[in-house]
Amino acid sequence: IKKLNNTPIYVKPQLTSDAGTCHVSVLVGIRNNPGKTIDNITVQFQLPSCVALADLTSNYGTVNILADK
């Protein structure tokens, strides 16, 4: 995430846990940086095999759940 300082986007991850459950929130936004356009953003991360349930949502765009390879 620190390597993204010179890009026109920002990424803010947040992890919270309570009573054995964990909530992961990843905020991706566009910086106010004229001259740099963004055509597409893809966010990918792999959850560990111990994760029993994942509810993925997006405020904008679509969510694609990829099969474990």
PDB file of N, CA and C in Angstrom:
ATOM      1  N   ILE A   1       0.825  -1.186   0.000  1.00  0.00           N
ATOM      2  CA  ILE A   1       0.000   0.000   0.000  1.00  0.00           C
ATOM      3  C   ILE A   1       0.867   1.247   0.000  1.00  0.00           C
ATOM      4  N   LYS A   2       2.016   1.194   0.646  1.00  0.00           N
ATOM      5  CA  LYS A   2       2.894   2.361   0.669  1.00  0.00           C
ATOM      6  C   LYS A   2       3.451   2.679  -0.711  1.00  0.00           C
ATOM      7  N   LYS A   3       3.532   1.702  -1.598  1.00  0.00           N
ATOM      8  CA  LYS A   3       4.060   1.929  -2.936  1.00  0.00           C
ATOM      9  C   LYS A   3       3.053   2.637  -3.832  1.00  0.00           C
ATOM     10  N   LEU A   4       1.834   2.854  -3.359  1.00  0.00           N
ATOM     11  CA  LEU A   4       0.804   3.493  -4.164  1.00  0.00           C
ATOM     12  C   LEU A   4       0.775   5.008  -4.009  1.00  0.00           C
ATOM     13  N   ASN A   5       1.788   5.603  -3.407  1.00  0.00           N
ATOM     14  CA  ASN A   5       1.784   7.045  -3.158  1.00  0.00           C
ATOM     15  C   ASN A   5       1.714   7.876  -4.425  1.00  0.00           C
ATOM     16  N   ASN A   6       2.272   7.408  -5.532  1.00  0.00           N
ATOM     17  CA  ASN A   6       2.305   8.192  -6.758  1.00  0.00           C
ATOM     18  C   ASN A   6       1.221   7.790  -7.747  1.00  0.00           C
ATOM     19  N   THR A   7       0.224   7.056  -7.309  1.00  0.00           N
ATOM     20  CA  THR A   7      -0.851   6.637  -8.195  1.00  0.00           C
ATOM     21  C   THR A   7      -2.091   7.495  -7.952  1.00  0.00           C
ATOM     22  N   PRO A   8      -3.006   7.516  -8.922  1.00  0.00           N
ATOM     23  CA  PRO A   8      -4.207   8.343  -8.757  1.00  0.00           C
ATOM     24  C   PRO A   8      -5.296   7.691  -7.905  1.00  0.00           C
ATOM     25  N   ILE A   9      -4.974   6.616  -7.188  1.00  0.00           N
ATOM     26  CA  ILE A   9      -5.950   5.979  -6.305  1.00  0.00           C
ATOM     27  C   ILE A   9      -5.391   5.867  -4.891  1.00  0.00           C
ATOM     28  N   TYR A  10      -6.270   5.638  -3.937  1.00  0.00           N
ATOM     29  CA  TYR A  10      -5.826   5.349  -2.574  1.00  0.00           C
ATOM     30  C   TYR A  10      -6.519   4.071  -2.106  1.00  0.00           C
ATOM     31  N   VAL A  11      -5.862   3.349  -1.202  1.00  0.00           N
ATOM     32  CA  VAL A  11      -6.381   2.102  -0.654  1.00  0.00           C
ATOM     33  C   VAL A  11      -6.306   2.191   0.865  1.00  0.00           C
ATOM     34  N   LYS A  12      -7.441   1.959   1.529  1.00  0.00           N
ATOM     35  CA  LYS A  12      -7.489   1.995   2.993  1.00  0.00           C
ATOM     36  C   LYS A  12      -8.106   0.692   3.501  1.00  0.00           C
ATOM     37  N   PRO A  13      -7.275  -0.250   3.955  1.00  0.00           N
ATOM     38  CA  PRO A  13      -7.827  -1.481   4.536  1.00  0.00           C
ATOM     39  C   PRO A  13      -8.151  -1.285   6.014  1.00  0.00           C
ATOM     40  N   GLN A  14      -9.151  -2.012   6.487  1.00  0.00           N
ATOM     41  CA  GLN A  14      -9.512  -1.966   7.903  1.00  0.00           C
ATOM     42  C   GLN A  14      -9.917  -3.368   8.343  1.00  0.00           C
ATOM     43  N   LEU A  15      -9.346  -3.831   9.451  1.00  0.00           N
ATOM     44  CA  LEU A  15      -9.664  -5.135  10.023  1.00  0.00           C
ATOM     45  C   LEU A  15     -10.234  -4.937  11.417  1.00  0.00           C
ATOM     46  N   THR A  16     -11.358  -5.578  11.698  1.00  0.00           N
ATOM     47  CA  THR A  16     -11.919  -5.568  13.043  1.00  0.00           C
ATOM     48  C   THR A  16     -12.307  -6.993  13.406  1.00  0.00           C
ATOM     49  N   SER A  17     -12.159  -7.345  14.660  1.00  0.00           N
ATOM     50  CA  SER A  17     -12.542  -8.693  15.088  1.00  0.00           C
ATOM     51  C   SER A  17     -13.253  -8.618  16.428  1.00  0.00           C
ATOM     52  N   ASP A  18     -14.160  -9.593  16.625  1.00  0.00           N
ATOM     53  CA  ASP A  18     -14.914  -9.657  17.866  1.00  0.00           C
ATOM     54  C   ASP A  18     -15.487 -11.064  18.014  1.00  0.00           C
ATOM     55  N   ALA A  19     -15.218 -11.698  19.120  1.00  0.00           N
ATOM     56  CA  ALA A  19     -15.777 -13.015  19.466  1.00  0.00           C
ATOM     57  C   ALA A  19     -15.538 -14.061  18.380  1.00  0.00           C
ATOM     58  N   GLY A  20     -14.346 -14.084  17.844  1.00  0.00           N
ATOM     59  CA  GLY A  20     -14.000 -15.113  16.864  1.00  0.00           C
ATOM     60  C   GLY A  20     -14.391 -14.814  15.435  1.00  0.00           C
ATOM     61  N   THR A  21     -14.982 -13.660  15.183  1.00  0.00           N
ATOM     62  CA  THR A  21     -15.313 -13.278  13.811  1.00  0.00           C
ATOM     63  C   THR A  21     -14.466 -12.075  13.415  1.00  0.00           C
ATOM     64  N   CYS A  22     -14.221 -11.953  12.130  1.00  0.00           N
ATOM     65  CA  CYS A  22     -13.383 -10.864  11.621  1.00  0.00           C
ATOM     66  C   CYS A  22     -14.106 -10.175  10.475  1.00  0.00           C
ATOM     67  N   HIS A  23     -13.982  -8.876  10.423  1.00  0.00           N
ATOM     68  CA  HIS A  23     -14.566  -8.084   9.344  1.00  0.00           C
ATOM     69  C   HIS A  23     -13.423  -7.364   8.632  1.00  0.00           C
ATOM     70  N   VAL A  24     -13.326  -7.575   7.329  1.00  0.00           N
ATOM     71  CA  VAL A  24     -12.302  -6.926   6.514  1.00  0.00           C
ATOM     72  C   VAL A  24     -13.006  -5.936   5.594  1.00  0.00           C
ATOM     73  N   SER A  25     -12.572  -4.701   5.635  1.00  0.00           N
ATOM     74  CA  SER A  25     -13.120  -3.672   4.768  1.00  0.00           C
ATOM     75  C   SER A  25     -11.968  -3.046   3.994  1.00  0.00           C
ATOM     76  N   VAL A  26     -12.118  -2.952   2.681  1.00  0.00           N
ATOM     77  CA  VAL A  26     -11.092  -2.337   1.835  1.00  0.00           C
ATOM     78  C   VAL A  26     -11.756  -1.208   1.057  1.00  0.00           C
ATOM     79  N   LEU A  27     -11.307   0.010   1.312  1.00  0.00           N
ATOM     80  CA  LEU A  27     -11.822   1.181   0.621  1.00  0.00           C
ATOM     81  C   LEU A  27     -10.824   1.573  -0.464  1.00  0.00           C
ATOM     82  N   VAL A  28     -11.291   1.653  -1.694  1.00  0.00           N
ATOM     83  CA  VAL A  28     -10.459   2.085  -2.819  1.00  0.00           C
ATOM     84  C   VAL A  28     -11.127   3.312  -3.412  1.00  0.00           C
ATOM     85  N   GLY A  29     -10.380   4.394  -3.514  1.00  0.00           N
ATOM     86  CA  GLY A  29     -10.943   5.629  -4.036  1.00  0.00           C
ATOM     87  C   GLY A  29     -10.001   6.326  -4.992  1.00  0.00           C
ATOM     88  N   ILE A  30     -10.531   7.328  -5.648  1.00  0.00           N
ATOM     89  CA  ILE A  30      -9.765   8.096  -6.628  1.00  0.00           C
ATOM     90  C   ILE A  30      -9.287   9.385  -5.972  1.00  0.00           C
ATOM     91  N   ARG A  31      -7.990   9.639  -6.085  1.00  0.00           N
ATOM     92  CA  ARG A  31      -7.434  10.894  -5.565  1.00  0.00           C
ATOM     93  C   ARG A  31      -7.784  12.038  -6.507  1.00  0.00           C
ATOM     94  N   ASN A  32      -7.775  13.223  -5.974  1.00  0.00           N
ATOM     95  CA  ASN A  32      -7.998  14.405  -6.796  1.00  0.00           C
ATOM     96  C   ASN A  32      -6.684  14.741  -7.489  1.00  0.00           C
ATOM     97  N   ASN A  33      -6.447  14.113  -8.627  1.00  0.00           N
ATOM     98  CA  ASN A  33      -5.182  14.253  -9.335  1.00  0.00           C
ATOM     99  C   ASN A  33      -5.462  14.446 -10.823  1.00  0.00           C
ATOM    100  N   PRO A  34      -5.664  15.685 -11.258  1.00  0.00           N
ATOM    101  CA  PRO A  34      -5.961  15.917 -12.667  1.00  0.00           C
ATOM    102  C   PRO A  34      -4.806  15.468 -13.561  1.00  0.00           C
ATOM    103  N   GLY A  35      -5.147  14.959 -14.711  1.00  0.00           N
ATOM    104  CA  GLY A  35      -4.127  14.523 -15.658  1.00  0.00           C
ATOM    105  C   GLY A  35      -3.898  13.029 -15.661  1.00  0.00           C
ATOM    106  N   LYS A  36      -4.327  12.333 -14.618  1.00  0.00           N
ATOM    107  CA  LYS A  36      -4.191  10.878 -14.572  1.00  0.00           C
ATOM    108  C   LYS A  36      -5.584  10.268 -14.578  1.00  0.00           C
ATOM    109  N   THR A  37      -5.888   9.527 -15.632  1.00  0.00           N
ATOM    110  CA  THR A  37      -7.205   8.907 -15.727  1.00  0.00           C
ATOM    111  C   THR A  37      -7.123   7.439 -15.326  1.00  0.00           C
ATOM    112  N   ILE A  38      -8.236   6.914 -14.859  1.00  0.00           N
ATOM    113  CA  ILE A  38      -8.327   5.513 -14.460  1.00  0.00           C
ATOM    114  C   ILE A  38      -9.388   4.851 -15.323  1.00  0.00           C
ATOM    115  N   ASP A  39      -9.002   3.805 -16.032  1.00  0.00           N
ATOM    116  CA  ASP A  39      -9.946   3.075 -16.864  1.00  0.00           C
ATOM    117  C   ASP A  39     -10.643   1.965 -16.093  1.00  0.00           C
ATOM    118  N   ASN A  40      -9.900   1.301 -15.197  1.00  0.00           N
ATOM    119  CA  ASN A  40     -10.436   0.139 -14.508  1.00  0.00           C
ATOM    120  C   ASN A  40      -9.620  -0.123 -13.247  1.00  0.00           C
ATOM    121  N   ILE A  41     -10.276  -0.577 -12.202  1.00  0.00           N
ATOM    122  CA  ILE A  41      -9.595  -0.960 -10.964  1.00  0.00           C
ATOM    123  C   ILE A  41     -10.028  -2.373 -10.610  1.00  0.00           C
ATOM    124  N   THR A  42      -9.065  -3.225 -10.309  1.00  0.00           N
ATOM    125  CA  THR A  42      -9.343  -4.586  -9.868  1.00  0.00           C
ATOM    126  C   THR A  42      -8.677  -4.798  -8.522  1.00  0.00           C
ATOM    127  N   VAL A  43      -9.448  -5.250  -7.550  1.00  0.00           N
ATOM    128  CA  VAL A  43      -8.926  -5.553  -6.220  1.00  0.00           C
ATOM    129  C   VAL A  43      -9.004  -7.065  -6.040  1.00  0.00           C
ATOM    130  N   GLN A  44      -7.857  -7.694  -5.758  1.00  0.00           N
ATOM    131  CA  GLN A  44      -7.812  -9.135  -5.549  1.00  0.00           C
ATOM    132  C   GLN A  44      -7.053  -9.437  -4.274  1.00  0.00           C
ATOM    133  N   PHE A  45      -7.566 -10.360  -3.493  1.00  0.00           N
ATOM    134  CA  PHE A  45      -6.823 -10.876  -2.356  1.00  0.00           C
ATOM    135  C   PHE A  45      -7.325 -12.277  -2.068  1.00  0.00           C
ATOM    136  N   GLN A  46      -6.460 -13.072  -1.496  1.00  0.00           N
ATOM    137  CA  GLN A  46      -6.785 -14.463  -1.214  1.00  0.00           C
ATOM    138  C   GLN A  46      -7.024 -14.643   0.276  1.00  0.00           C
ATOM    139  N   LEU A  47      -8.144 -15.254   0.605  1.00  0.00           N
ATOM    140  CA  LEU A  47      -8.456 -15.542   1.996  1.00  0.00           C
ATOM    141  C   LEU A  47      -7.846 -16.883   2.379  1.00  0.00           C
ATOM    142  N   PRO A  48      -7.417 -17.039   3.616  1.00  0.00           N
ATOM    143  CA  PRO A  48      -6.831 -18.318   4.038  1.00  0.00           C
ATOM    144  C   PRO A  48      -7.884 -19.429   4.043  1.00  0.00           C
ATOM    145  N   SER A  49      -7.414 -20.661   3.985  1.00  0.00           N
ATOM    146  CA  SER A  49      -8.321 -21.808   3.903  1.00  0.00           C
ATOM    147  C   SER A  49      -9.182 -21.973   5.153  1.00  0.00           C
ATOM    148  N   CYS A  50      -8.789 -21.376   6.262  1.00  0.00           N
ATOM    149  CA  CYS A  50      -9.579 -21.493   7.495  1.00  0.00           C
ATOM    150  C   CYS A  50     -10.834 -20.620   7.479  1.00  0.00           C
ATOM    151  N   VAL A  51     -11.000 -19.769   6.474  1.00  0.00           N
ATOM    152  CA  VAL A  51     -12.187 -18.916   6.383  1.00  0.00           C
ATOM    153  C   VAL A  51     -13.375 -19.782   5.975  1.00  0.00           C
ATOM    154  N   ALA A  52     -14.392 -19.823   6.828  1.00  0.00           N
ATOM    155  CA  ALA A  52     -15.554 -20.676   6.581  1.00  0.00           C
ATOM    156  C   ALA A  52     -16.626 -19.974   5.755  1.00  0.00           C
ATOM    157  N   LEU A  53     -16.732 -18.645   5.863  1.00  0.00           N
ATOM    158  CA  LEU A  53     -17.795 -17.914   5.190  1.00  0.00           C
ATOM    159  C   LEU A  53     -17.275 -16.541   4.789  1.00  0.00           C
ATOM    160  N   ALA A  54     -17.616 -16.123   3.584  1.00  0.00           N
ATOM    161  CA  ALA A  54     -17.230 -14.789   3.118  1.00  0.00           C
ATOM    162  C   ALA A  54     -18.424 -14.158   2.412  1.00  0.00           C
ATOM    163  N   ASP A  55     -18.792 -12.973   2.833  1.00  0.00           N
ATOM    164  CA  ASP A  55     -19.881 -12.221   2.223  1.00  0.00           C
ATOM    165  C   ASP A  55     -19.249 -10.996   1.574  1.00  0.00           C
ATOM    166  N   LEU A  56     -19.114 -11.022   0.262  1.00  0.00           N
ATOM    167  CA  LEU A  56     -18.426  -9.953  -0.458  1.00  0.00           C
ATOM    168  C   LEU A  56     -19.445  -9.027  -1.109  1.00  0.00           C
ATOM    169  N   THR A  57     -19.290  -7.730  -0.864  1.00  0.00           N
ATOM    170  CA  THR A  57     -20.185  -6.743  -1.452  1.00  0.00           C
ATOM    171  C   THR A  57     -19.368  -5.578  -1.998  1.00  0.00           C
ATOM    172  N   SER A  58     -19.980  -4.832  -2.891  1.00  0.00           N
ATOM    173  CA  SER A  58     -19.340  -3.663  -3.477  1.00  0.00           C
ATOM    174  C   SER A  58     -20.357  -2.535  -3.535  1.00  0.00           C
ATOM    175  N   ASN A  59     -19.923  -1.336  -3.203  1.00  0.00           N
ATOM    176  CA  ASN A  59     -20.804  -0.175  -3.329  1.00  0.00           C
ATOM    177  C   ASN A  59     -20.885   0.302  -4.773  1.00  0.00           C
ATOM    178  N   TYR A  60     -19.895  -0.034  -5.570  1.00  0.00           N
ATOM    179  CA  TYR A  60     -19.853   0.379  -6.970  1.00  0.00           C
ATOM    180  C   TYR A  60     -19.142  -0.708  -7.751  1.00  0.00           C
ATOM    181  N   GLY A  61     -19.652  -1.071  -8.885  1.00  0.00           N
ATOM    182  CA  GLY A  61     -19.025  -2.122  -9.682  1.00  0.00           C
ATOM    183  C   GLY A  61     -19.568  -3.494  -9.311  1.00  0.00           C
ATOM    184  N   THR A  62     -18.786  -4.516  -9.603  1.00  0.00           N
ATOM    185  CA  THR A  62     -19.233  -5.883  -9.382  1.00  0.00           C
ATOM    186  C   THR A  62     -18.235  -6.636  -8.525  1.00  0.00           C
ATOM    187  N   VAL A  63     -18.696  -7.726  -7.942  1.00  0.00           N
ATOM    188  CA  VAL A  63     -17.852  -8.618  -7.150  1.00  0.00           C
ATOM    189  C   VAL A  63     -17.781  -9.945  -7.882  1.00  0.00           C
ATOM    190  N   ASN A  64     -16.581 -10.416  -8.150  1.00  0.00           N
ATOM    191  CA  ASN A  64     -16.363 -11.718  -8.762  1.00  0.00           C
ATOM    192  C   ASN A  64     -15.619 -12.590  -7.768  1.00  0.00           C
ATOM    193  N   ILE A  65     -16.189 -13.743  -7.459  1.00  0.00           N
ATOM    194  CA  ILE A  65     -15.544 -14.677  -6.553  1.00  0.00           C
ATOM    195  C   ILE A  65     -14.808 -15.706  -7.400  1.00  0.00           C
ATOM    196  N   LEU A  66     -13.489 -15.732  -7.267  1.00  0.00           N
ATOM    197  CA  LEU A  66     -12.667 -16.640  -8.051  1.00  0.00           C
ATOM    198  C   LEU A  66     -12.473 -17.941  -7.296  1.00  0.00           C
ATOM    199  N   ALA A  67     -12.497 -19.040  -8.018  1.00  0.00           N
ATOM    200  CA  ALA A  67     -12.267 -20.346  -7.405  1.00  0.00           C
ATOM    201  C   ALA A  67     -10.810 -20.467  -7.000  1.00  0.00           C
ATOM    202  N   ASP A  68     -10.563 -21.238  -5.949  1.00  0.00           N
ATOM    203  CA  ASP A  68      -9.200 -21.479  -5.481  1.00  0.00           C
ATOM    204  C   ASP A  68      -8.447 -22.258  -6.543  1.00  0.00           C
ATOM    205  N   LYS A  69      -7.260 -21.791  -6.914  1.00  0.00           N
ATOM    206  CA  LYS A  69      -6.492 -22.449  -7.980  1.00  0.00           C
ATOM    207  C   LYS A  69      -5.421 -23.313  -7.414  1.00  0.00           C
TER     208      LYS A  69
END
